[in-house]
Amino acid sequence: MTRDQVTVFIPLKHYHEGYLRQALECVFRQTRPDWRLLIVAEDATLADFGVLLREWLVDARVRLIPRQGRMLAGAYNSAMRAAETEFIATLLGDDLWTPDAVEVLGDCIRAHPGVDFFHSGRYFIDDDGRRISSDYLPEGPVTAEQFADRSPVKHLMCWRARRGLDCGGVDETLNNFGSDDYDFPWTMLEHGATFHAIPKALYVVRDHRDGYRLTTHVPQSIQRRELRRILEKHGVPPALIRQRIHRDGGDFLRQSLFRTTVHRWIRELIGFNPHSGWREPYR
């Protein structure tokens, strides 16, 4: 192993088979082939995923391991503990990496040996893979003040696995909203991690309604509660927390298809069409 190699980490629970296959294929199509791939799933589902993913698991670069710990955060921590490379990066099972992502990450790791956390730009595609946005590129240095307003760190996220664990890993007391891509980099920053923005879109976010997504299927009441918990954890003043939650309720939180868990139960019972939900006005 060389220090500029990267482990790709895919957490699996809910999945759309077609999207998952495309995610795996995008790893195998990377212009730099010396990546490692960790797929993390609940212990009870390992046998099923072993069958579903058998054509990829025959490759020595790919491992399927059980999740140890709670929810999505536990999957992240399991992957960090199991990683064979110094750096690890997330690919969600319904998203994609650009073909040069591993190569660009390796170049950046060599060029910036003191950096602990790299983050790139991204763009969005729809259910059918059609591009629906321009490139969203990271802006400026990462500061705690930025996190209090909104996260300056978006996918593609690539960090030193050992440094992430030394910071306590992803917080397993948080539920499946913001623990991985909001609270975790904020926590690493507070523990002195150094960040570097890659001015290129390496991550492709699929804004779809053909399967489970945290942004759409977690009820807005839960998303608001978890956002409040994260902001309180990092010492944001109560007045600013109220302003932030009110603002975000009219912004990206509108993606949620359900107001509450009861609302979700009722809508699923009557068979509503999730494609009728609100979508971001991408630029």
Protein backbone atom coordinates (compact mmCIF):
# COMPACT_ATOMS: atom_id res chain seq x y z
CA MET A 1 0.00 0.00 0.00
CA THR A 2 1.17 3.53 -0.77
CA ARG A 3 0.00 6.50 1.27
CA ASP A 4 -1.91 8.03 -1.65
CA GLN A 5 -4.19 5.04 -2.11
CA VAL A 6 -7.85 5.41 -1.19
CA THR A 7 -10.49 3.08 0.24
CA VAL A 8 -13.95 3.64 -1.21
CA PHE A 9 -16.64 3.03 1.42
CA ILE A 10 -20.27 2.18 0.58
CA PRO A 11 -22.75 1.84 3.49
CA LEU A 12 -25.67 -0.42 2.59
CA LYS A 13 -29.13 -0.82 4.04
CA HIS A 14 -31.92 0.52 1.85
CA TYR A 15 -30.94 0.24 -1.81
CA HIS A 16 -32.15 0.45 -5.38
CA GLU A 17 -30.48 -2.41 -7.24
CA GLY A 18 -30.01 -0.51 -10.49
CA TYR A 19 -28.46 2.50 -8.78
CA LEU A 20 -26.26 0.29 -6.62
CA ARG A 21 -24.93 -1.53 -9.68
CA GLN A 22 -24.10 1.80 -11.30
CA ALA A 23 -22.31 2.94 -8.14
CA LEU A 24 -20.17 -0.20 -8.09
CA GLU A 25 -19.46 0.04 -11.80
CA CYS A 26 -18.24 3.62 -11.42
CA VAL A 27 -15.61 2.38 -8.96
CA PHE A 28 -14.43 -0.30 -11.37
CA ARG A 29 -14.23 2.30 -14.17
CA GLN A 30 -11.83 4.55 -12.26
CA THR A 31 -8.80 5.73 -14.25
CA ARG A 32 -6.59 4.72 -11.32
CA PRO A 33 -7.20 1.05 -10.47
CA ASP A 34 -5.39 0.54 -7.15
CA TRP A 35 -8.38 1.53 -4.99
CA ARG A 36 -9.87 -0.63 -2.25
CA LEU A 37 -13.63 -0.99 -1.74
CA LEU A 38 -15.36 -1.63 1.58
CA ILE A 39 -19.08 -2.40 1.57
CA VAL A 40 -20.62 -2.27 5.05
CA ALA A 41 -23.99 -3.84 5.86
CA GLU A 42 -25.91 -5.11 8.86
CA ASP A 43 -24.81 -8.54 10.00
CA ALA A 44 -28.27 -10.02 9.34
CA THR A 45 -28.14 -8.97 5.66
CA LEU A 46 -24.57 -10.02 4.83
CA ALA A 47 -25.57 -13.33 3.26
CA ASP A 48 -28.14 -11.64 1.01
CA PHE A 49 -25.72 -8.94 -0.05
CA GLY A 50 -23.07 -11.60 -0.63
CA VAL A 51 -25.34 -13.14 -3.26
CA LEU A 52 -26.42 -9.82 -4.76
CA LEU A 53 -22.85 -8.53 -5.04
CA ARG A 54 -21.08 -11.79 -5.90
CA GLU A 55 -19.82 -10.60 -9.29
CA TRP A 56 -17.89 -7.78 -7.59
CA LEU A 57 -16.83 -9.64 -4.45
CA VAL A 58 -14.64 -12.02 -6.48
CA ASP A 59 -12.27 -9.08 -6.96
CA ALA A 60 -9.53 -9.05 -4.28
CA ARG A 61 -9.90 -5.26 -3.93
CA VAL A 62 -13.48 -5.60 -2.62
CA ARG A 63 -14.62 -6.64 0.87
CA LEU A 64 -18.10 -6.94 2.41
CA ILE A 65 -17.98 -6.48 6.19
CA PRO A 66 -20.57 -6.34 8.99
CA ARG A 67 -21.58 -3.07 10.58
CA GLN A 68 -20.53 -2.78 14.19
CA GLY A 69 -22.27 0.00 16.04
CA ARG A 70 -25.42 2.01 15.61
CA MET A 71 -27.07 3.11 12.35
CA LEU A 72 -25.21 4.99 9.60
CA ALA A 73 -22.62 6.30 12.05
CA GLY A 74 -21.76 2.73 13.02
CA ALA A 75 -21.20 1.85 9.37
CA TYR A 76 -18.76 4.77 9.00
CA ASN A 77 -16.86 3.78 12.12
CA SER A 78 -16.72 0.13 11.04
CA ALA A 79 -15.26 1.18 7.69
CA MET A 80 -12.65 3.43 9.30
CA ARG A 81 -11.53 0.60 11.57
CA ALA A 82 -11.34 -1.88 8.68
CA ALA A 83 -9.67 0.40 6.10
CA GLU A 84 -6.32 -0.86 4.83
CA THR A 85 -5.36 2.53 3.39
CA GLU A 86 -4.60 5.76 5.20
CA PHE A 87 -7.44 7.63 3.49
CA ILE A 88 -11.07 6.61 3.13
CA ALA A 89 -13.87 8.25 1.12
CA THR A 90 -17.63 7.78 0.98
CA LEU A 91 -19.76 6.75 -1.98
CA LEU A 92 -23.46 6.37 -1.21
CA GLY A 93 -25.13 3.50 -3.02
CA ASP A 94 -27.41 5.63 -5.17
CA ASP A 95 -24.72 8.16 -6.18
CA LEU A 96 -21.65 8.09 -8.43
CA TRP A 97 -18.03 9.21 -8.58
CA THR A 98 -16.57 10.74 -11.71
CA PRO A 99 -14.13 8.36 -13.48
CA ASP A 100 -11.06 10.33 -12.37
CA ALA A 101 -12.04 10.72 -8.69
CA VAL A 102 -9.51 8.23 -7.28
CA GLU A 103 -6.75 9.63 -9.46
CA VAL A 104 -7.49 13.23 -8.42
CA LEU A 105 -7.66 12.25 -4.75
CA GLY A 106 -4.28 10.52 -4.99
CA ASP A 107 -2.75 13.58 -6.66
CA CYS A 108 -4.11 15.82 -3.88
CA ILE A 109 -2.89 13.52 -1.10
CA ARG A 110 0.64 13.64 -2.55
CA ALA A 111 0.53 17.39 -3.16
CA HIS A 112 -0.81 18.23 0.32
CA PRO A 113 0.78 15.78 2.78
CA GLY A 114 -0.37 17.75 5.85
CA VAL A 115 -4.07 17.69 4.99
CA ASP A 116 -6.41 15.41 6.94
CA PHE A 117 -9.69 15.99 5.12
CA PHE A 118 -10.29 16.61 1.40
CA HIS A 119 -13.66 17.64 -0.01
CA SER A 120 -14.65 18.28 -3.60
CA GLY A 121 -17.37 19.78 -5.73
CA ARG A 122 -20.43 17.90 -6.93
CA TYR A 123 -23.25 18.03 -9.43
CA PHE A 124 -26.73 16.51 -9.57
CA ILE A 125 -28.49 14.04 -11.83
CA ASP A 126 -32.11 12.88 -11.88
CA ASP A 127 -33.66 9.42 -11.56
CA ASP A 128 -32.64 8.54 -15.13
CA GLY A 129 -29.09 9.82 -14.86
CA ARG A 130 -29.66 13.09 -16.71
CA ARG A 131 -27.60 16.01 -15.44
CA ILE A 132 -29.82 18.65 -13.81
CA SER A 133 -27.28 21.10 -12.37
CA SER A 134 -24.04 22.89 -13.00
CA ASP A 135 -20.98 22.13 -10.90
CA TYR A 136 -21.24 23.12 -7.22
CA LEU A 137 -17.66 23.83 -6.14
CA PRO A 138 -16.37 24.30 -2.58
CA GLU A 139 -15.70 27.86 -1.48
CA GLY A 140 -12.87 29.20 0.67
CA PRO A 141 -11.32 27.89 3.88
CA VAL A 142 -13.38 25.78 6.26
CA THR A 143 -14.29 27.54 9.53
CA ALA A 144 -16.51 26.82 12.53
CA GLU A 145 -18.57 29.93 11.69
CA GLN A 146 -19.43 28.42 8.31
CA PHE A 147 -20.63 25.21 9.94
CA ALA A 148 -22.93 27.16 12.25
CA ASP A 149 -24.64 28.63 9.16
CA ARG A 150 -24.45 25.62 6.81
CA SER A 151 -21.93 22.92 6.07
CA PRO A 152 -19.02 24.08 3.87
CA VAL A 153 -18.01 20.43 3.38
CA LYS A 154 -19.93 18.29 0.90
CA HIS A 155 -19.32 15.03 -0.89
CA LEU A 156 -16.90 13.88 -2.13
CA MET A 157 -15.41 13.59 1.36
CA CYS A 158 -12.04 11.86 1.85
CA TRP A 159 -10.21 11.81 5.19
CA ARG A 160 -7.54 10.05 7.23
CA ALA A 161 -9.31 7.10 8.81
CA ARG A 162 -7.11 7.07 11.92
CA ARG A 163 -7.59 10.81 12.46
CA GLY A 164 -11.34 10.37 12.18
CA LEU A 165 -11.32 7.62 14.80
CA ASP A 166 -9.06 9.66 17.08
CA CYS A 167 -11.74 12.38 17.03
CA GLY A 168 -14.25 9.84 18.31
CA GLY A 169 -15.51 8.73 14.91
CA VAL A 170 -18.98 9.52 13.65
CA ASP A 171 -21.29 10.19 16.60
CA GLU A 172 -23.44 7.08 17.09
CA THR A 173 -25.80 8.89 19.46
CA LEU A 174 -27.10 10.85 16.48
CA ASN A 175 -29.70 9.38 14.15
CA ASN A 176 -29.57 9.08 10.39
CA PHE A 177 -29.51 12.74 9.45
CA GLY A 178 -26.39 14.90 9.36
CA SER A 179 -24.24 12.64 11.52
CA ASP A 180 -21.88 11.76 8.68
CA ASP A 181 -21.63 14.73 6.34
CA TYR A 182 -22.30 17.57 8.80
CA ASP A 183 -21.48 16.75 12.41
CA PHE A 184 -18.47 14.54 11.59
CA PRO A 185 -16.38 17.04 9.57
CA TRP A 186 -17.34 19.78 12.06
CA THR A 187 -16.06 17.57 14.88
CA MET A 188 -12.82 16.85 13.00
CA LEU A 189 -12.31 20.59 12.51
CA GLU A 190 -12.80 21.20 16.25
CA HIS A 191 -10.15 18.55 16.92
CA GLY A 192 -7.61 20.36 14.75
CA ALA A 193 -7.95 18.50 11.45
CA THR A 194 -6.75 20.38 8.38
CA PHE A 195 -9.03 20.68 5.34
CA HIS A 196 -8.40 21.18 1.65
CA ALA A 197 -11.05 21.97 -0.97
CA ILE A 198 -10.63 20.28 -4.36
CA PRO A 199 -11.90 22.77 -6.98
CA LYS A 200 -13.43 20.08 -9.17
CA ALA A 201 -16.74 18.20 -9.19
CA LEU A 202 -15.85 14.59 -8.38
CA TYR A 203 -19.15 13.48 -6.82
CA VAL A 204 -22.47 12.94 -8.63
CA VAL A 205 -25.59 13.19 -6.43
CA ARG A 206 -28.68 11.39 -7.70
CA ASP A 207 -31.81 13.36 -6.77
CA HIS A 208 -34.27 10.51 -7.23
CA ARG A 209 -37.62 9.34 -5.88
CA ASP A 210 -37.32 5.69 -6.93
CA GLY A 211 -36.12 4.47 -3.56
CA TYR A 212 -35.23 5.40 0.00
CA ARG A 213 -33.15 8.54 0.55
CA LEU A 214 -32.39 10.16 3.89
CA THR A 215 -33.22 13.62 2.55
CA THR A 216 -36.64 12.53 1.30
CA HIS A 217 -37.76 9.65 3.50
CA VAL A 218 -36.71 10.79 6.97
CA PRO A 219 -39.68 12.84 8.27
CA GLN A 220 -39.02 16.57 8.54
CA SER A 221 -39.79 16.54 12.27
CA ILE A 222 -36.88 14.13 12.79
CA GLN A 223 -34.58 16.13 10.53
CA ARG A 224 -35.36 19.31 12.46
CA ARG A 225 -34.74 17.55 15.77
CA GLU A 226 -31.41 16.10 14.66
CA LEU A 227 -30.28 19.43 13.22
CA ARG A 228 -31.05 21.08 16.55
CA ARG A 229 -29.08 18.39 18.41
CA ILE A 230 -26.04 18.92 16.19
CA LEU A 231 -26.14 22.69 16.56
CA GLU A 232 -26.54 22.42 20.34
CA LYS A 233 -23.67 19.94 20.51
CA HIS A 234 -21.34 22.47 18.87
CA GLY A 235 -22.40 25.35 21.08
CA VAL A 236 -24.45 27.42 18.65
CA PRO A 237 -26.54 29.99 20.60
CA PRO A 238 -30.26 29.14 20.95
CA ALA A 239 -31.43 32.22 19.03
CA LEU A 240 -29.25 31.30 16.05
CA ILE A 241 -30.47 27.71 16.22
CA ARG A 242 -34.09 28.87 15.96
CA GLN A 243 -33.23 31.11 13.00
CA ARG A 244 -31.34 28.31 11.29
CA ILE A 245 -34.09 25.73 11.67
CA HIS A 246 -36.75 28.19 10.51
CA ARG A 247 -34.67 29.09 7.45
CA ASP A 248 -33.86 25.51 6.53
CA GLY A 249 -37.51 24.51 6.92
CA GLY A 250 -38.24 26.64 3.86
CA ASP A 251 -35.12 25.45 2.05
CA PHE A 252 -33.61 21.98 1.67
CA LEU A 253 -35.77 20.40 4.41
CA ARG A 254 -38.69 20.79 2.01
CA GLN A 255 -37.33 17.73 0.20
CA SER A 256 -38.75 15.52 2.94
CA LEU A 257 -41.84 13.68 1.73
CA PHE A 258 -43.28 13.41 5.24
CA ARG A 259 -43.97 15.90 8.02
CA THR A 260 -43.95 13.31 10.82
CA THR A 261 -43.74 9.53 11.25
CA VAL A 262 -47.55 9.38 11.40
CA HIS A 263 -47.79 11.38 8.18
CA ARG A 264 -45.34 8.93 6.56
CA TRP A 265 -47.47 5.97 7.68
CA ILE A 266 -50.65 7.53 6.28
CA ARG A 267 -49.07 8.50 2.96
CA GLU A 268 -47.49 5.08 2.47
CA LEU A 269 -50.81 3.43 3.38
CA ILE A 270 -52.72 5.31 0.68
CA GLY A 271 -49.96 4.74 -1.89
CA PHE A 272 -48.96 8.32 -2.68
CA ASN A 273 -46.62 9.11 -5.58
CA PRO A 274 -43.19 10.17 -4.21
CA HIS A 275 -42.33 11.77 -7.56
CA SER A 276 -44.75 14.58 -6.68
CA GLY A 277 -42.43 15.77 -3.90
CA TRP A 278 -40.57 19.10 -3.90
CA ARG A 279 -37.19 19.27 -5.64
CA GLU A 280 -34.32 21.68 -5.27
CA PRO A 281 -34.23 24.49 -7.88
CA TYR A 282 -30.77 23.58 -9.10
CA ARG A 283 -28.66 26.11 -10.93
